[in-house]
Amino acid sequence: MSLSDGVAGEGKARDPFDPALYDPRDPDPWLALYLDQSLPIDPEAKRCLLMGARSWSRRWLFPVSRPLVILFFMVVKVLRALSPRFPNLNGTLHRSIHWGLRIFGSPETNALILRHFHVGTELLAFMRINAGVDIASHPLRPTRLRDIEDNLFLQHDLNVFNFVIELNMRLREEGRDLTPPPRVDFSMISDEAPRFEAFPTGPLNRIDVQTAVEFYTPLYALMLPRRDFVRAAHSLQLDETVAIYIAKLLGTDYHMSFVKNGHPMVALSTLQAGYRLMMHGLDCEALHGWLRVLKRRQAAGLPLDPRNPTGDVVSA
């Protein structure tokens, strides 16, 4: 069952992803995606994402409100062109995100948002440790919605760009590129999901993650200086860059086939930031899930490249 529904029982909603509900004459697209295993996403993260995708807020509130959100966003862009640095309401922004999610966010939405910071922290740690470079880190592992108020979103963006800059500065100084280490270290990749606080389940906690992201994107642009917002928007296209780094460290590019957020050398409009943020979350979940798969393969004595499943065949 979902985080919203709790445990199935008398008077409880039935699990929408129960295979027993399958009707060949009317197949449910969300059941198909839930059962599909083409992306190595954590099962609970997939459930949370699909519960939001099939919710009333995503089907009705999102498309109806989106034109108004875009119009507001365009007004904000004009205001920021006139005053790119002021106001700077970073603290107010993070408090509004905290309370907005606490009052309106569904449990699935809140789980996905907090989980993203854990996933990002572990992906950066994987690259840093296996690259063998000394880079300062600022791990983000929130377990409560209140943790958002500690500049969580802003720090996440700083972590990503500081990592890219410092990693490549070190590699250039040492005159080398990323290469596979003698044995890839997966110790920083968690096998278990983070333990979060119990999220609110009040009558208003119904907003899915994509609708929440769409609403908050223009507020992010309004309350932060222009440079901070532009940096945040550009960070959403770094997934392919990160995937290339990981491919060099693993010695296999298999995972590049499911990373779809394009390279930031060709920047997209900030008006697309909401959709790109959703793709960013999906790509990060897929990359993290793939590293968990490879961690299990390594523990079983199998090669990391899935195109050589037993190690008996040598790739050409």
C-alpha atoms as a PDB file:
ATOM      1  CA  MET A   1       0.000   0.000   0.000  1.00  0.00           C
ATOM      2  CA  SER A   2       0.973   3.663  -0.229  1.00  0.00           C
ATOM      3  CA  LEU A   3       2.248   5.791   2.632  1.00  0.00           C
ATOM      4  CA  SER A   4      -1.092   7.591   2.515  1.00  0.00           C
ATOM      5  CA  ASP A   5      -3.242   4.491   2.813  1.00  0.00           C
ATOM      6  CA  GLY A   6      -1.266   2.662   5.467  1.00  0.00           C
ATOM      7  CA  VAL A   7      -1.899  -1.058   5.956  1.00  0.00           C
ATOM      8  CA  ALA A   8      -4.577  -2.722   3.907  1.00  0.00           C
ATOM      9  CA  GLY A   9      -7.562  -3.961   5.819  1.00  0.00           C
ATOM     10  CA  GLU A  10     -11.257  -3.507   6.309  1.00  0.00           C
ATOM     11  CA  GLY A  11     -12.247   0.032   5.410  1.00  0.00           C
ATOM     12  CA  LYS A  12      -8.887   0.724   3.758  1.00  0.00           C
ATOM     13  CA  ALA A  13      -8.312   1.480   0.091  1.00  0.00           C
ATOM     14  CA  ARG A  14      -7.126  -1.466  -1.943  1.00  0.00           C
ATOM     15  CA  ASP A  15      -3.564  -1.494  -3.232  1.00  0.00           C
ATOM     16  CA  PRO A  16      -3.797   0.024  -6.758  1.00  0.00           C
ATOM     17  CA  PHE A  17      -0.737  -1.980  -7.802  1.00  0.00           C
ATOM     18  CA  ASP A  18      -2.122  -5.365  -6.773  1.00  0.00           C
ATOM     19  CA  PRO A  19      -1.616  -7.704  -9.769  1.00  0.00           C
ATOM     20  CA  ALA A  20      -4.931  -9.324  -8.854  1.00  0.00           C
ATOM     21  CA  LEU A  21      -6.633  -6.197 -10.215  1.00  0.00           C
ATOM     22  CA  TYR A  22      -5.230  -6.793 -13.694  1.00  0.00           C
ATOM     23  CA  ASP A  23      -7.931  -6.880 -16.374  1.00  0.00           C
ATOM     24  CA  PRO A  24      -6.709  -7.780 -19.887  1.00  0.00           C
ATOM     25  CA  ARG A  25      -9.714  -5.933 -21.324  1.00  0.00           C
ATOM     26  CA  ASP A  26      -8.790  -2.728 -19.472  1.00  0.00           C
ATOM     27  CA  PRO A  27      -5.086  -2.794 -18.474  1.00  0.00           C
ATOM     28  CA  ASP A  28      -4.022  -0.106 -16.005  1.00  0.00           C
ATOM     29  CA  PRO A  29      -1.026   1.900 -17.353  1.00  0.00           C
ATOM     30  CA  TRP A  30       0.195   2.601 -13.808  1.00  0.00           C
ATOM     31  CA  LEU A  31       0.141  -1.090 -12.931  1.00  0.00           C
ATOM     32  CA  ALA A  32       2.176  -1.753 -16.087  1.00  0.00           C
ATOM     33  CA  LEU A  33       4.795   0.812 -15.041  1.00  0.00           C
ATOM     34  CA  TYR A  34       4.853  -0.491 -11.480  1.00  0.00           C
ATOM     35  CA  LEU A  35       5.533  -4.056 -12.639  1.00  0.00           C
ATOM     36  CA  ASP A  36       8.013  -2.967 -15.323  1.00  0.00           C
ATOM     37  CA  GLN A  37      11.662  -3.567 -14.356  1.00  0.00           C
ATOM     38  CA  SER A  38      13.459  -1.687 -17.133  1.00  0.00           C
ATOM     39  CA  LEU A  39      14.722   0.980 -14.689  1.00  0.00           C
ATOM     40  CA  PRO A  40      16.572  -0.135 -11.524  1.00  0.00           C
ATOM     41  CA  ILE A  41      14.584   2.139  -9.214  1.00  0.00           C
ATOM     42  CA  ASP A  42      14.022   1.403  -5.540  1.00  0.00           C
ATOM     43  CA  PRO A  43      10.563  -0.232  -5.250  1.00  0.00           C
ATOM     44  CA  GLU A  44       9.286   2.174  -2.592  1.00  0.00           C
ATOM     45  CA  ALA A  45      10.523   5.207  -4.540  1.00  0.00           C
ATOM     46  CA  LYS A  46       8.772   3.875  -7.657  1.00  0.00           C
ATOM     47  CA  ARG A  47       5.554   3.344  -5.697  1.00  0.00           C
ATOM     48  CA  CYS A  48       5.692   6.894  -4.331  1.00  0.00           C
ATOM     49  CA  LEU A  49       6.294   8.346  -7.792  1.00  0.00           C
ATOM     50  CA  LEU A  50       3.462   6.378  -9.408  1.00  0.00           C
ATOM     51  CA  MET A  51       1.032   7.103  -6.576  1.00  0.00           C
ATOM     52  CA  GLY A  52       1.597  10.772  -7.340  1.00  0.00           C
ATOM     53  CA  ALA A  53       1.318  10.285 -11.102  1.00  0.00           C
ATOM     54  CA  ARG A  54      -2.101   8.662 -10.779  1.00  0.00           C
ATOM     55  CA  SER A  55      -3.402  11.107  -8.130  1.00  0.00           C
ATOM     56  CA  TRP A  56      -6.181  13.655  -8.682  1.00  0.00           C
ATOM     57  CA  SER A  57      -3.777  16.557  -8.107  1.00  0.00           C
ATOM     58  CA  ARG A  58      -1.512  15.430 -10.952  1.00  0.00           C
ATOM     59  CA  ARG A  59      -4.439  14.667 -13.272  1.00  0.00           C
ATOM     60  CA  TRP A  60      -6.483  17.803 -12.551  1.00  0.00           C
ATOM     61  CA  LEU A  61      -4.788  20.442 -10.425  1.00  0.00           C
ATOM     62  CA  PHE A  62      -1.477  20.283 -12.301  1.00  0.00           C
ATOM     63  CA  PRO A  63      -2.760  20.858 -15.867  1.00  0.00           C
ATOM     64  CA  VAL A  64      -5.403  23.414 -14.823  1.00  0.00           C
ATOM     65  CA  SER A  65      -3.023  25.532 -12.731  1.00  0.00           C
ATOM     66  CA  ARG A  66       0.055  25.256 -14.944  1.00  0.00           C
ATOM     67  CA  PRO A  67      -0.809  28.177 -17.304  1.00  0.00           C
ATOM     68  CA  LEU A  68      -1.217  30.443 -14.272  1.00  0.00           C
ATOM     69  CA  VAL A  69       2.058  29.187 -12.794  1.00  0.00           C
ATOM     70  CA  ILE A  70       3.882  29.895 -16.073  1.00  0.00           C
ATOM     71  CA  LEU A  71       2.367  33.392 -16.254  1.00  0.00           C
ATOM     72  CA  PHE A  72       3.514  34.086 -12.675  1.00  0.00           C
ATOM     73  CA  PHE A  73       6.946  32.713 -13.557  1.00  0.00           C
ATOM     74  CA  MET A  74       7.256  35.138 -16.489  1.00  0.00           C
ATOM     75  CA  VAL A  75       6.355  38.065 -14.215  1.00  0.00           C
ATOM     76  CA  VAL A  76       9.026  36.896 -11.771  1.00  0.00           C
ATOM     77  CA  LYS A  77      11.613  36.735 -14.576  1.00  0.00           C
ATOM     78  CA  VAL A  78      10.870  40.366 -15.473  1.00  0.00           C
ATOM     79  CA  LEU A  79      11.169  41.409 -11.819  1.00  0.00           C
ATOM     80  CA  ARG A  80      14.469  39.554 -11.481  1.00  0.00           C
ATOM     81  CA  ALA A  81      15.781  41.234 -14.631  1.00  0.00           C
ATOM     82  CA  LEU A  82      15.127  44.576 -12.942  1.00  0.00           C
ATOM     83  CA  SER A  83      16.511  43.488  -9.547  1.00  0.00           C
ATOM     84  CA  PRO A  84      18.747  40.414  -9.909  1.00  0.00           C
ATOM     85  CA  ARG A  85      20.093  40.416  -6.332  1.00  0.00           C
ATOM     86  CA  PHE A  86      17.286  41.732  -4.127  1.00  0.00           C
ATOM     87  CA  PRO A  87      15.275  40.561  -2.354  1.00  0.00           C
ATOM     88  CA  ASN A  88      17.221  37.608  -0.979  1.00  0.00           C
ATOM     89  CA  LEU A  89      14.694  35.625   1.054  1.00  0.00           C
ATOM     90  CA  ASN A  90      16.509  32.312   1.309  1.00  0.00           C
ATOM     91  CA  GLY A  91      15.374  31.629   4.878  1.00  0.00           C
ATOM     92  CA  THR A  92      11.767  32.521   4.055  1.00  0.00           C
ATOM     93  CA  LEU A  93      11.885  30.276   0.984  1.00  0.00           C
ATOM     94  CA  HIS A  94      13.024  27.216   2.912  1.00  0.00           C
ATOM     95  CA  ARG A  95      10.513  27.829   5.688  1.00  0.00           C
ATOM     96  CA  SER A  96       7.711  28.164   3.132  1.00  0.00           C
ATOM     97  CA  ILE A  97       8.782  24.907   1.467  1.00  0.00           C
ATOM     98  CA  HIS A  98       8.809  23.165   4.836  1.00  0.00           C
ATOM     99  CA  TRP A  99       5.360  24.351   5.855  1.00  0.00           C
ATOM    100  CA  GLY A 100       3.905  23.974   2.372  1.00  0.00           C
ATOM    101  CA  LEU A 101       4.940  20.329   2.277  1.00  0.00           C
ATOM    102  CA  ARG A 102       3.811  19.759   5.850  1.00  0.00           C
ATOM    103  CA  ILE A 103       0.336  21.147   5.137  1.00  0.00           C
ATOM    104  CA  PHE A 104      -0.258  20.107   1.513  1.00  0.00           C
ATOM    105  CA  GLY A 105       2.344  17.503   0.486  1.00  0.00           C
ATOM    106  CA  SER A 106       1.254  13.879   0.348  1.00  0.00           C
ATOM    107  CA  PRO A 107       3.363  11.402   2.328  1.00  0.00           C
ATOM    108  CA  GLU A 108       4.702  10.071  -0.982  1.00  0.00           C
ATOM    109  CA  THR A 109       5.719  13.576  -2.056  1.00  0.00           C
ATOM    110  CA  ASN A 110       7.513  14.258   1.211  1.00  0.00           C
ATOM    111  CA  ALA A 111       9.305  10.898   1.119  1.00  0.00           C
ATOM    112  CA  LEU A 112      10.553  11.449  -2.446  1.00  0.00           C
ATOM    113  CA  ILE A 113      11.798  14.961  -1.719  1.00  0.00           C
ATOM    114  CA  LEU A 114      13.730  14.072   1.441  1.00  0.00           C
ATOM    115  CA  ARG A 115      15.005  10.857  -0.142  1.00  0.00           C
ATOM    116  CA  HIS A 116      16.518  12.817  -3.029  1.00  0.00           C
ATOM    117  CA  PHE A 117      19.086  14.463  -0.768  1.00  0.00           C
ATOM    118  CA  HIS A 118      20.233  11.079   0.553  1.00  0.00           C
ATOM    119  CA  VAL A 119      20.568   9.747  -2.995  1.00  0.00           C
ATOM    120  CA  GLY A 120      22.514  12.819  -4.145  1.00  0.00           C
ATOM    121  CA  THR A 121      24.847  12.624  -1.148  1.00  0.00           C
ATOM    122  CA  GLU A 122      25.658   8.965  -1.866  1.00  0.00           C
ATOM    123  CA  LEU A 123      26.229   9.535  -5.600  1.00  0.00           C
ATOM    124  CA  LEU A 124      28.701  12.332  -4.859  1.00  0.00           C
ATOM    125  CA  ALA A 125      30.437  10.193  -2.220  1.00  0.00           C
ATOM    126  CA  PHE A 126      30.708   7.287  -4.678  1.00  0.00           C
ATOM    127  CA  MET A 127      32.468   9.462  -7.249  1.00  0.00           C
ATOM    128  CA  ARG A 128      34.699  11.231  -4.731  1.00  0.00           C
ATOM    129  CA  ILE A 129      35.946   8.050  -3.058  1.00  0.00           C
ATOM    130  CA  ASN A 130      36.459   6.025  -6.236  1.00  0.00           C
ATOM    131  CA  ALA A 131      38.131   8.938  -8.022  1.00  0.00           C
ATOM    132  CA  GLY A 132      40.703   9.094  -5.222  1.00  0.00           C
ATOM    133  CA  VAL A 133      40.506  12.863  -4.835  1.00  0.00           C
ATOM    134  CA  ASP A 134      40.407  14.965  -1.676  1.00  0.00           C
ATOM    135  CA  ILE A 135      37.277  17.113  -1.961  1.00  0.00           C
ATOM    136  CA  ALA A 136      35.412  18.768   0.882  1.00  0.00           C
ATOM    137  CA  SER A 137      31.921  17.339   1.318  1.00  0.00           C
ATOM    138  CA  HIS A 138      28.717  18.509   2.984  1.00  0.00           C
ATOM    139  CA  PRO A 139      26.504  15.398   3.306  1.00  0.00           C
ATOM    140  CA  LEU A 140      22.747  16.001   3.357  1.00  0.00           C
ATOM    141  CA  ARG A 141      20.688  13.340   5.123  1.00  0.00           C
ATOM    142  CA  PRO A 142      17.402  14.915   6.246  1.00  0.00           C
ATOM    143  CA  THR A 143      14.942  12.733   8.131  1.00  0.00           C
ATOM    144  CA  ARG A 144      12.356  15.396   9.073  1.00  0.00           C
ATOM    145  CA  LEU A 145      10.535  18.028   7.036  1.00  0.00           C
ATOM    146  CA  ARG A 146      11.897  20.633   9.445  1.00  0.00           C
ATOM    147  CA  ASP A 147      15.410  19.798   8.208  1.00  0.00           C
ATOM    148  CA  ILE A 148      14.506  21.632   4.989  1.00  0.00           C
ATOM    149  CA  GLU A 149      14.836  24.929   6.872  1.00  0.00           C
ATOM    150  CA  ASP A 150      18.599  24.383   7.148  1.00  0.00           C
ATOM    151  CA  ASN A 151      19.028  25.777   3.587  1.00  0.00           C
ATOM    152  CA  LEU A 152      18.692  22.227   2.280  1.00  0.00           C
ATOM    153  CA  PHE A 153      17.888  22.996  -1.375  1.00  0.00           C
ATOM    154  CA  LEU A 154      20.475  25.741  -1.708  1.00  0.00           C
ATOM    155  CA  GLN A 155      23.184  23.572  -0.135  1.00  0.00           C
ATOM    156  CA  HIS A 156      22.303  20.710  -2.484  1.00  0.00           C
ATOM    157  CA  ASP A 157      23.003  22.929  -5.513  1.00  0.00           C
ATOM    158  CA  LEU A 158      26.247  24.197  -3.968  1.00  0.00           C
ATOM    159  CA  ASN A 159      27.364  20.609  -3.298  1.00  0.00           C
ATOM    160  CA  VAL A 160      26.876  19.586  -6.925  1.00  0.00           C
ATOM    161  CA  PHE A 161      28.680  22.502  -8.558  1.00  0.00           C
ATOM    162  CA  ASN A 162      31.477  22.613  -5.986  1.00  0.00           C
ATOM    163  CA  PHE A 163      32.048  18.907  -6.593  1.00  0.00           C
ATOM    164  CA  VAL A 164      32.257  19.287 -10.384  1.00  0.00           C
ATOM    165  CA  ILE A 165      34.614  22.250 -10.123  1.00  0.00           C
ATOM    166  CA  GLU A 166      36.896  20.810  -7.425  1.00  0.00           C
ATOM    167  CA  LEU A 167      37.008  17.324  -8.997  1.00  0.00           C
ATOM    168  CA  ASN A 168      38.142  18.670 -12.349  1.00  0.00           C
ATOM    169  CA  MET A 169      40.589  21.094 -10.768  1.00  0.00           C
ATOM    170  CA  ARG A 170      42.265  18.157  -8.967  1.00  0.00           C
ATOM    171  CA  LEU A 171      42.285  15.981 -12.083  1.00  0.00           C
ATOM    172  CA  ARG A 172      43.819  18.766 -14.173  1.00  0.00           C
ATOM    173  CA  GLU A 173      46.474  19.430 -11.515  1.00  0.00           C
ATOM    174  CA  GLU A 174      47.375  15.729 -11.483  1.00  0.00           C
ATOM    175  CA  GLY A 175      47.258  15.449 -15.285  1.00  0.00           C
ATOM    176  CA  ARG A 176      44.846  12.525 -15.335  1.00  0.00           C
ATOM    177  CA  ASP A 177      41.265  11.524 -16.072  1.00  0.00           C
ATOM    178  CA  LEU A 178      38.844   9.306 -14.207  1.00  0.00           C
ATOM    179  CA  THR A 179      39.596   5.583 -14.567  1.00  0.00           C
ATOM    180  CA  PRO A 180      38.272   2.465 -12.838  1.00  0.00           C
ATOM    181  CA  PRO A 181      39.953   1.815  -9.458  1.00  0.00           C
ATOM    182  CA  PRO A 182      41.416  -1.661  -8.770  1.00  0.00           C
ATOM    183  CA  ARG A 183      38.203  -2.500  -6.894  1.00  0.00           C
ATOM    184  CA  VAL A 184      35.166  -0.255  -7.014  1.00  0.00           C
ATOM    185  CA  ASP A 185      34.054   0.840  -3.535  1.00  0.00           C
ATOM    186  CA  PHE A 186      30.265   0.647  -3.026  1.00  0.00           C
ATOM    187  CA  SER A 187      30.351   0.986   0.755  1.00  0.00           C
ATOM    188  CA  MET A 188      28.667   4.416   0.708  1.00  0.00           C
ATOM    189  CA  ILE A 189      25.653   3.134  -1.264  1.00  0.00           C
ATOM    190  CA  SER A 190      22.888   2.318   1.213  1.00  0.00           C
ATOM    191  CA  ASP A 191      21.047  -0.984   0.965  1.00  0.00           C
ATOM    192  CA  GLU A 192      18.123   0.252   3.065  1.00  0.00           C
ATOM    193  CA  ALA A 193      15.799   3.220   2.634  1.00  0.00           C
ATOM    194  CA  PRO A 194      16.289   6.209   4.972  1.00  0.00           C
ATOM    195  CA  ARG A 195      14.158   6.218   8.116  1.00  0.00           C
ATOM    196  CA  PHE A 196      11.987   9.302   7.961  1.00  0.00           C
ATOM    197  CA  GLU A 197       9.629  10.771  10.497  1.00  0.00           C
ATOM    198  CA  ALA A 198       5.945   9.908  10.159  1.00  0.00           C
ATOM    199  CA  PHE A 199       4.642  12.356   7.565  1.00  0.00           C
ATOM    200  CA  PRO A 200       1.345  14.225   7.998  1.00  0.00           C
ATOM    201  CA  THR A 201      -1.741  12.538   6.546  1.00  0.00           C
ATOM    202  CA  GLY A 202      -4.336  15.272   7.056  1.00  0.00           C
ATOM    203  CA  PRO A 203      -7.205  16.064   4.704  1.00  0.00           C
ATOM    204  CA  LEU A 204      -5.057  18.585   2.779  1.00  0.00           C
ATOM    205  CA  ASN A 205      -2.025  16.299   2.339  1.00  0.00           C
ATOM    206  CA  ARG A 206      -2.916  15.354  -1.225  1.00  0.00           C
ATOM    207  CA  ILE A 207      -0.504  17.248  -3.500  1.00  0.00           C
ATOM    208  CA  ASP A 208       1.755  15.065  -5.667  1.00  0.00           C
ATOM    209  CA  VAL A 209       5.449  15.766  -6.116  1.00  0.00           C
ATOM    210  CA  GLN A 210       5.247  17.115  -9.704  1.00  0.00           C
ATOM    211  CA  THR A 211       2.524  19.617  -8.826  1.00  0.00           C
ATOM    212  CA  ALA A 212       4.458  20.695  -5.725  1.00  0.00           C
ATOM    213  CA  VAL A 213       7.624  21.174  -7.789  1.00  0.00           C
ATOM    214  CA  GLU A 214       5.734  23.184 -10.418  1.00  0.00           C
ATOM    215  CA  PHE A 215       4.260  25.500  -7.769  1.00  0.00           C
ATOM    216  CA  TYR A 216       7.541  26.091  -5.966  1.00  0.00           C
ATOM    217  CA  THR A 217       9.765  26.723  -9.002  1.00  0.00           C
ATOM    218  CA  PRO A 218       8.617  30.348  -9.580  1.00  0.00           C
ATOM    219  CA  LEU A 219       8.724  30.995  -5.828  1.00  0.00           C
ATOM    220  CA  TYR A 220      12.316  29.744  -5.876  1.00  0.00           C
ATOM    221  CA  ALA A 221      13.063  32.274  -8.630  1.00  0.00           C
ATOM    222  CA  LEU A 222      11.270  35.063  -6.761  1.00  0.00           C
ATOM    223  CA  MET A 223      12.868  34.581  -3.347  1.00  0.00           C
ATOM    224  CA  LEU A 224      16.460  33.822  -4.356  1.00  0.00           C
ATOM    225  CA  PRO A 225      18.943  36.099  -6.146  1.00  0.00           C
ATOM    226  CA  ARG A 226      19.079  35.455  -9.877  1.00  0.00           C
ATOM    227  CA  ARG A 227      22.502  33.747  -9.717  1.00  0.00           C
ATOM    228  CA  ASP A 228      21.256  31.241  -7.137  1.00  0.00           C
ATOM    229  CA  PHE A 229      18.189  30.349  -9.178  1.00  0.00           C
ATOM    230  CA  VAL A 230      20.099  30.050 -12.463  1.00  0.00           C
ATOM    231  CA  ARG A 231      22.653  27.800 -10.748  1.00  0.00           C
ATOM    232  CA  ALA A 232      19.842  25.623  -9.417  1.00  0.00           C
ATOM    233  CA  ALA A 233      18.226  25.412 -12.862  1.00  0.00           C
ATOM    234  CA  HIS A 234      21.499  24.477 -14.572  1.00  0.00           C
ATOM    235  CA  SER A 235      22.241  21.813 -11.962  1.00  0.00           C
ATOM    236  CA  LEU A 236      19.194  19.915 -13.235  1.00  0.00           C
ATOM    237  CA  GLN A 237      21.049  19.118 -16.470  1.00  0.00           C
ATOM    238  CA  LEU A 238      24.148  17.718 -14.777  1.00  0.00           C
ATOM    239  CA  ASP A 239      22.748  14.168 -14.667  1.00  0.00           C
ATOM    240  CA  GLU A 240      24.436  13.191 -17.922  1.00  0.00           C
ATOM    241  CA  THR A 241      27.708  14.693 -16.697  1.00  0.00           C
ATOM    242  CA  VAL A 242      27.516  12.686 -13.467  1.00  0.00           C
ATOM    243  CA  ALA A 243      26.592   9.550 -15.403  1.00  0.00           C
ATOM    244  CA  ILE A 244      29.697   9.973 -17.596  1.00  0.00           C
ATOM    245  CA  TYR A 245      31.890  10.301 -14.498  1.00  0.00           C
ATOM    246  CA  ILE A 246      30.353   7.121 -13.077  1.00  0.00           C
ATOM    247  CA  ALA A 247      30.806   5.306 -16.396  1.00  0.00           C
ATOM    248  CA  LYS A 248      34.522   6.115 -16.360  1.00  0.00           C
ATOM    249  CA  LEU A 249      34.838   4.825 -12.803  1.00  0.00           C
ATOM    250  CA  LEU A 250      32.874   1.635 -13.498  1.00  0.00           C
ATOM    251  CA  GLY A 251      34.443   0.890 -16.874  1.00  0.00           C
ATOM    252  CA  THR A 252      30.957   0.360 -18.332  1.00  0.00           C
ATOM    253  CA  ASP A 253      28.476   2.784 -19.888  1.00  0.00           C
ATOM    254  CA  TYR A 254      25.434   0.509 -19.616  1.00  0.00           C
ATOM    255  CA  HIS A 255      23.570   2.955 -17.359  1.00  0.00           C
ATOM    256  CA  MET A 256      23.841   5.796 -19.907  1.00  0.00           C
ATOM    257  CA  SER A 257      20.837   4.298 -21.697  1.00  0.00           C
ATOM    258  CA  PHE A 258      18.463   5.334 -18.899  1.00  0.00           C
ATOM    259  CA  VAL A 259      19.846   8.793 -18.097  1.00  0.00           C
ATOM    260  CA  LYS A 260      17.755  11.245 -20.105  1.00  0.00           C
ATOM    261  CA  ASN A 261      18.354  14.710 -18.609  1.00  0.00           C
ATOM    262  CA  GLY A 262      20.497  16.372 -21.293  1.00  0.00           C
ATOM    263  CA  HIS A 263      23.999  17.826 -21.029  1.00  0.00           C
ATOM    264  CA  PRO A 264      24.167  21.402 -19.642  1.00  0.00           C
ATOM    265  CA  MET A 265      26.437  22.595 -22.480  1.00  0.00           C
ATOM    266  CA  VAL A 266      23.144  23.293 -24.269  1.00  0.00           C
ATOM    267  CA  ALA A 267      21.129  25.009 -21.555  1.00  0.00           C
ATOM    268  CA  LEU A 268      17.345  24.796 -21.590  1.00  0.00           C
ATOM    269  CA  SER A 269      15.008  27.610 -20.581  1.00  0.00           C
ATOM    270  CA  THR A 270      14.423  28.099 -16.874  1.00  0.00           C
ATOM    271  CA  LEU A 271      10.700  27.947 -17.702  1.00  0.00           C
ATOM    272  CA  GLN A 272      11.248  24.184 -18.101  1.00  0.00           C
ATOM    273  CA  ALA A 273      12.835  23.837 -14.664  1.00  0.00           C
ATOM    274  CA  GLY A 274       9.844  22.046 -13.111  1.00  0.00           C
ATOM    275  CA  TYR A 275       9.843  19.218 -15.653  1.00  0.00           C
ATOM    276  CA  ARG A 276      13.632  18.988 -15.606  1.00  0.00           C
ATOM    277  CA  LEU A 277      13.575  18.703 -11.826  1.00  0.00           C
ATOM    278  CA  MET A 278      11.282  15.686 -12.141  1.00  0.00           C
ATOM    279  CA  MET A 279      13.635  14.129 -14.705  1.00  0.00           C
ATOM    280  CA  HIS A 280      16.583  14.950 -12.431  1.00  0.00           C
ATOM    281  CA  GLY A 281      14.943  13.042  -9.590  1.00  0.00           C
ATOM    282  CA  LEU A 282      14.178  10.080 -11.855  1.00  0.00           C
ATOM    283  CA  ASP A 283      17.735   9.963 -13.236  1.00  0.00           C
ATOM    284  CA  CYS A 284      19.268  10.119  -9.761  1.00  0.00           C
ATOM    285  CA  GLU A 285      17.012   7.318  -8.521  1.00  0.00           C
ATOM    286  CA  ALA A 286      17.939   5.199 -11.541  1.00  0.00           C
ATOM    287  CA  LEU A 287      21.677   5.810 -11.085  1.00  0.00           C
ATOM    288  CA  HIS A 288      21.500   5.067  -7.371  1.00  0.00           C
ATOM    289  CA  GLY A 289      19.427   1.948  -7.985  1.00  0.00           C
ATOM    290  CA  TRP A 290      21.928   0.775 -10.583  1.00  0.00           C
ATOM    291  CA  LEU A 291      24.830   1.170  -8.161  1.00  0.00           C
ATOM    292  CA  ARG A 292      22.882  -0.933  -5.664  1.00  0.00           C
ATOM    293  CA  VAL A 293      22.513  -3.626  -8.344  1.00  0.00           C
ATOM    294  CA  LEU A 294      26.250  -3.515  -9.069  1.00  0.00           C
ATOM    295  CA  LYS A 295      27.035  -3.627  -5.369  1.00  0.00           C
ATOM    296  CA  ARG A 296      25.121  -6.925  -5.149  1.00  0.00           C
ATOM    297  CA  ARG A 297      26.849  -8.227  -8.292  1.00  0.00           C
ATOM    298  CA  GLN A 298      30.249  -7.455  -6.819  1.00  0.00           C
ATOM    299  CA  ALA A 299      29.324  -9.202  -3.553  1.00  0.00           C
ATOM    300  CA  ALA A 300      28.276 -12.254  -5.592  1.00  0.00           C
ATOM    301  CA  GLY A 301      31.631 -12.296  -7.421  1.00  0.00           C
ATOM    302  CA  LEU A 302      30.144 -11.209 -10.780  1.00  0.00           C
ATOM    303  CA  PRO A 303      31.675  -8.640 -13.157  1.00  0.00           C
ATOM    304  CA  LEU A 304      30.245  -5.131 -13.024  1.00  0.00           C
ATOM    305  CA  ASP A 305      29.470  -4.962 -16.748  1.00  0.00           C
ATOM    306  CA  PRO A 306      26.061  -6.675 -17.157  1.00  0.00           C
ATOM    307  CA  ARG A 307      26.898  -7.454 -20.779  1.00  0.00           C
ATOM    308  CA  ASN A 308      29.341  -9.992 -19.342  1.00  0.00           C
ATOM    309  CA  PRO A 309      26.920 -11.608 -16.859  1.00  0.00           C
ATOM    310  CA  THR A 310      29.102 -14.482 -15.648  1.00  0.00           C
ATOM    311  CA  GLY A 311      32.618 -13.276 -16.383  1.00  0.00           C
ATOM    312  CA  ASP A 312      33.197 -16.167 -18.812  1.00  0.00           C
ATOM    313  CA  VAL A 313      32.912 -13.995 -21.931  1.00  0.00           C
ATOM    314  CA  VAL A 314      35.535 -11.368 -22.655  1.00  0.00           C
ATOM    315  CA  SER A 315      34.144  -8.244 -24.324  1.00  0.00           C
ATOM    316  CA  ALA A 316      35.650  -7.353 -27.678  1.00  0.00           C
END
